[in-house]
Amino acid sequence: MDKITGNIDIGKELVVGGSYCVAGLLLLLLKTGEKLAPTDQEHPHVWQDIRCAIWEKTGSSATPYSNW
């Protein structure tokens, strides 16, 4: 192994990295039987909520959606 890596001692790192690769491949092959969540739900409006919170915090009298 010294001919390939020189005098660098990376044996432990190769074992750990290889173990992670094997574990990842095993997880990819696993069939969990999970189903996707139903999509009838309304998607969250994160940016609108943030904008409303900023408008409330600044105390502005205008509504945050007035210029849309």
N, C-alpha and C. Protein backbone atom coordinates (compact mmCIF):
# COMPACT_ATOMS: atom_id res chain seq x y z
N MET A 1 0.83 -1.19 0.00
CA MET A 1 0.00 0.00 0.00
C MET A 1 0.87 1.25 0.00
N ASP A 2 2.09 1.17 0.50
CA ASP A 2 2.97 2.33 0.54
C ASP A 2 3.33 2.81 -0.86
N LYS A 3 3.37 1.90 -1.82
CA LYS A 3 3.71 2.30 -3.18
C LYS A 3 2.60 3.17 -3.78
N ILE A 4 1.37 2.89 -3.42
CA ILE A 4 0.23 3.65 -3.96
C ILE A 4 0.11 5.01 -3.28
N THR A 5 0.17 5.01 -1.95
CA THR A 5 -0.08 6.25 -1.21
C THR A 5 1.19 6.96 -0.78
N GLY A 6 2.33 6.43 -1.08
CA GLY A 6 3.57 7.03 -0.60
C GLY A 6 3.75 6.72 0.86
N ASN A 7 4.21 7.68 1.63
CA ASN A 7 4.38 7.48 3.07
C ASN A 7 3.20 8.02 3.86
N ILE A 8 2.11 8.34 3.19
CA ILE A 8 0.94 8.88 3.88
C ILE A 8 0.16 7.73 4.50
N ASP A 9 -0.13 7.87 5.78
CA ASP A 9 -0.87 6.83 6.50
C ASP A 9 -2.35 7.19 6.48
N ILE A 10 -3.08 6.68 5.49
CA ILE A 10 -4.51 6.99 5.38
C ILE A 10 -5.35 5.72 5.44
N GLY A 11 -4.82 4.69 6.04
CA GLY A 11 -5.53 3.41 6.12
C GLY A 11 -6.83 3.52 6.88
N LYS A 12 -6.81 4.20 8.02
CA LYS A 12 -8.02 4.34 8.84
C LYS A 12 -9.09 5.11 8.08
N GLU A 13 -8.67 6.17 7.38
CA GLU A 13 -9.63 6.98 6.64
C GLU A 13 -10.27 6.17 5.51
N LEU A 14 -9.48 5.33 4.86
CA LEU A 14 -10.03 4.49 3.79
C LEU A 14 -11.03 3.48 4.33
N VAL A 15 -10.74 2.91 5.51
CA VAL A 15 -11.68 1.96 6.11
C VAL A 15 -12.98 2.65 6.47
N VAL A 16 -12.90 3.82 7.10
CA VAL A 16 -14.11 4.55 7.49
C VAL A 16 -14.90 4.99 6.26
N GLY A 17 -14.19 5.56 5.26
CA GLY A 17 -14.87 6.00 4.04
C GLY A 17 -15.50 4.85 3.30
N GLY A 18 -14.80 3.74 3.22
CA GLY A 18 -15.37 2.56 2.57
C GLY A 18 -16.59 2.03 3.30
N SER A 19 -16.53 2.08 4.62
CA SER A 19 -17.68 1.63 5.41
C SER A 19 -18.90 2.51 5.16
N TYR A 20 -18.68 3.81 5.06
CA TYR A 20 -19.79 4.72 4.75
C TYR A 20 -20.35 4.44 3.36
N CYS A 21 -19.50 4.16 2.41
CA CYS A 21 -19.97 3.84 1.06
C CYS A 21 -20.81 2.57 1.05
N VAL A 22 -20.34 1.54 1.74
CA VAL A 22 -21.10 0.29 1.81
C VAL A 22 -22.44 0.52 2.49
N ALA A 23 -22.44 1.26 3.59
CA ALA A 23 -23.69 1.54 4.29
C ALA A 23 -24.66 2.33 3.42
N GLY A 24 -24.13 3.30 2.66
CA GLY A 24 -24.99 4.07 1.77
C GLY A 24 -25.60 3.22 0.68
N LEU A 25 -24.81 2.33 0.12
CA LEU A 25 -25.34 1.43 -0.92
C LEU A 25 -26.40 0.51 -0.35
N LEU A 26 -26.18 0.00 0.85
CA LEU A 26 -27.19 -0.86 1.47
C LEU A 26 -28.49 -0.09 1.71
N LEU A 27 -28.38 1.16 2.14
CA LEU A 27 -29.58 1.96 2.37
C LEU A 27 -30.33 2.25 1.07
N LEU A 28 -29.59 2.43 -0.02
CA LEU A 28 -30.24 2.66 -1.31
C LEU A 28 -31.01 1.43 -1.78
N LEU A 29 -30.51 0.25 -1.44
CA LEU A 29 -31.16 -0.98 -1.88
C LEU A 29 -32.33 -1.39 -1.00
N LEU A 30 -32.45 -0.80 0.17
CA LEU A 30 -33.51 -1.16 1.10
C LEU A 30 -34.87 -0.71 0.59
N LYS A 31 -35.85 -1.56 0.69
CA LYS A 31 -37.23 -1.21 0.33
C LYS A 31 -37.98 -0.93 1.64
N THR A 32 -38.31 0.32 1.89
CA THR A 32 -38.94 0.67 3.16
C THR A 32 -40.46 0.59 3.13
N GLY A 33 -41.06 0.66 1.95
CA GLY A 33 -42.50 0.62 1.86
C GLY A 33 -43.17 1.93 2.21
N GLU A 34 -42.41 3.00 2.33
CA GLU A 34 -43.00 4.30 2.64
C GLU A 34 -43.74 4.84 1.43
N LYS A 35 -44.80 5.57 1.71
CA LYS A 35 -45.58 6.19 0.64
C LYS A 35 -45.46 7.69 0.77
N LEU A 36 -45.58 8.37 -0.35
CA LEU A 36 -45.54 9.83 -0.33
C LEU A 36 -46.77 10.38 0.36
N ALA A 37 -46.60 11.50 1.01
CA ALA A 37 -47.72 12.15 1.69
C ALA A 37 -48.74 12.61 0.65
N PRO A 38 -50.01 12.62 1.02
CA PRO A 38 -51.02 13.10 0.07
C PRO A 38 -50.77 14.55 -0.32
N THR A 39 -51.02 14.87 -1.58
CA THR A 39 -50.73 16.21 -2.07
C THR A 39 -51.96 17.12 -2.09
N ASP A 40 -53.05 16.71 -1.38
CA ASP A 40 -54.24 17.58 -1.38
C ASP A 40 -54.02 18.78 -0.46
N GLN A 41 -52.98 18.76 0.32
CA GLN A 41 -52.72 19.86 1.24
C GLN A 41 -52.19 21.08 0.49
N GLU A 42 -52.51 22.24 1.04
CA GLU A 42 -52.02 23.48 0.47
C GLU A 42 -50.55 23.65 0.85
N HIS A 43 -49.74 24.08 -0.08
CA HIS A 43 -48.33 24.29 0.19
C HIS A 43 -48.15 25.51 1.09
N PRO A 44 -47.19 25.46 1.99
CA PRO A 44 -46.98 26.60 2.88
C PRO A 44 -46.49 27.83 2.12
N HIS A 45 -46.90 28.97 2.58
CA HIS A 45 -46.51 30.24 1.97
C HIS A 45 -45.49 30.91 2.88
N VAL A 46 -44.29 30.38 2.86
CA VAL A 46 -43.27 30.82 3.81
C VAL A 46 -42.93 32.29 3.61
N TRP A 47 -42.67 32.69 2.37
CA TRP A 47 -42.25 34.08 2.13
C TRP A 47 -43.36 35.06 2.47
N GLN A 48 -44.60 34.69 2.23
CA GLN A 48 -45.70 35.57 2.59
C GLN A 48 -45.78 35.72 4.11
N ASP A 49 -45.57 34.64 4.84
CA ASP A 49 -45.60 34.71 6.30
C ASP A 49 -44.48 35.59 6.83
N ILE A 50 -43.29 35.46 6.25
CA ILE A 50 -42.16 36.28 6.68
C ILE A 50 -42.45 37.76 6.39
N ARG A 51 -42.98 38.03 5.21
CA ARG A 51 -43.29 39.41 4.84
C ARG A 51 -44.34 40.01 5.79
N CYS A 52 -45.36 39.25 6.11
CA CYS A 52 -46.38 39.73 7.05
C CYS A 52 -45.77 40.01 8.41
N ALA A 53 -44.88 39.14 8.86
CA ALA A 53 -44.26 39.33 10.17
C ALA A 53 -43.40 40.59 10.18
N ILE A 54 -42.69 40.84 9.09
CA ILE A 54 -41.85 42.04 9.01
C ILE A 54 -42.73 43.29 9.02
N TRP A 55 -43.84 43.26 8.28
CA TRP A 55 -44.74 44.41 8.24
C TRP A 55 -45.34 44.68 9.61
N GLU A 56 -45.69 43.60 10.33
CA GLU A 56 -46.26 43.78 11.67
C GLU A 56 -45.21 44.34 12.63
N LYS A 57 -43.98 43.89 12.50
CA LYS A 57 -42.93 44.32 13.39
C LYS A 57 -42.56 45.79 13.17
N THR A 58 -42.62 46.24 11.91
CA THR A 58 -42.27 47.63 11.62
C THR A 58 -43.41 48.58 11.94
N GLY A 59 -44.59 48.04 12.14
CA GLY A 59 -45.72 48.88 12.51
C GLY A 59 -46.28 49.68 11.34
N SER A 60 -46.07 49.22 10.13
CA SER A 60 -46.55 49.94 8.97
C SER A 60 -48.06 49.84 8.88
N SER A 61 -48.69 50.91 8.47
CA SER A 61 -50.15 50.92 8.38
C SER A 61 -50.63 50.31 7.07
N ALA A 62 -49.77 50.23 6.07
CA ALA A 62 -50.15 49.63 4.80
C ALA A 62 -50.14 48.11 4.91
N THR A 63 -50.92 47.47 4.10
CA THR A 63 -50.92 46.02 4.10
C THR A 63 -49.74 45.53 3.27
N PRO A 64 -49.18 44.39 3.62
CA PRO A 64 -47.99 43.91 2.90
C PRO A 64 -48.29 43.50 1.47
N TYR A 65 -49.56 43.27 1.14
CA TYR A 65 -49.90 42.82 -0.21
C TYR A 65 -50.49 43.95 -1.05
N SER A 66 -50.42 45.17 -0.57
CA SER A 66 -51.07 46.26 -1.28
C SER A 66 -50.41 46.59 -2.61
N ASN A 67 -49.13 46.29 -2.76
CA ASN A 67 -48.46 46.62 -4.02
C ASN A 67 -48.33 45.42 -4.96
N TRP A 68 -49.06 44.35 -4.70
CA TRP A 68 -48.99 43.16 -5.55
C TRP A 68 -50.01 43.24 -6.64
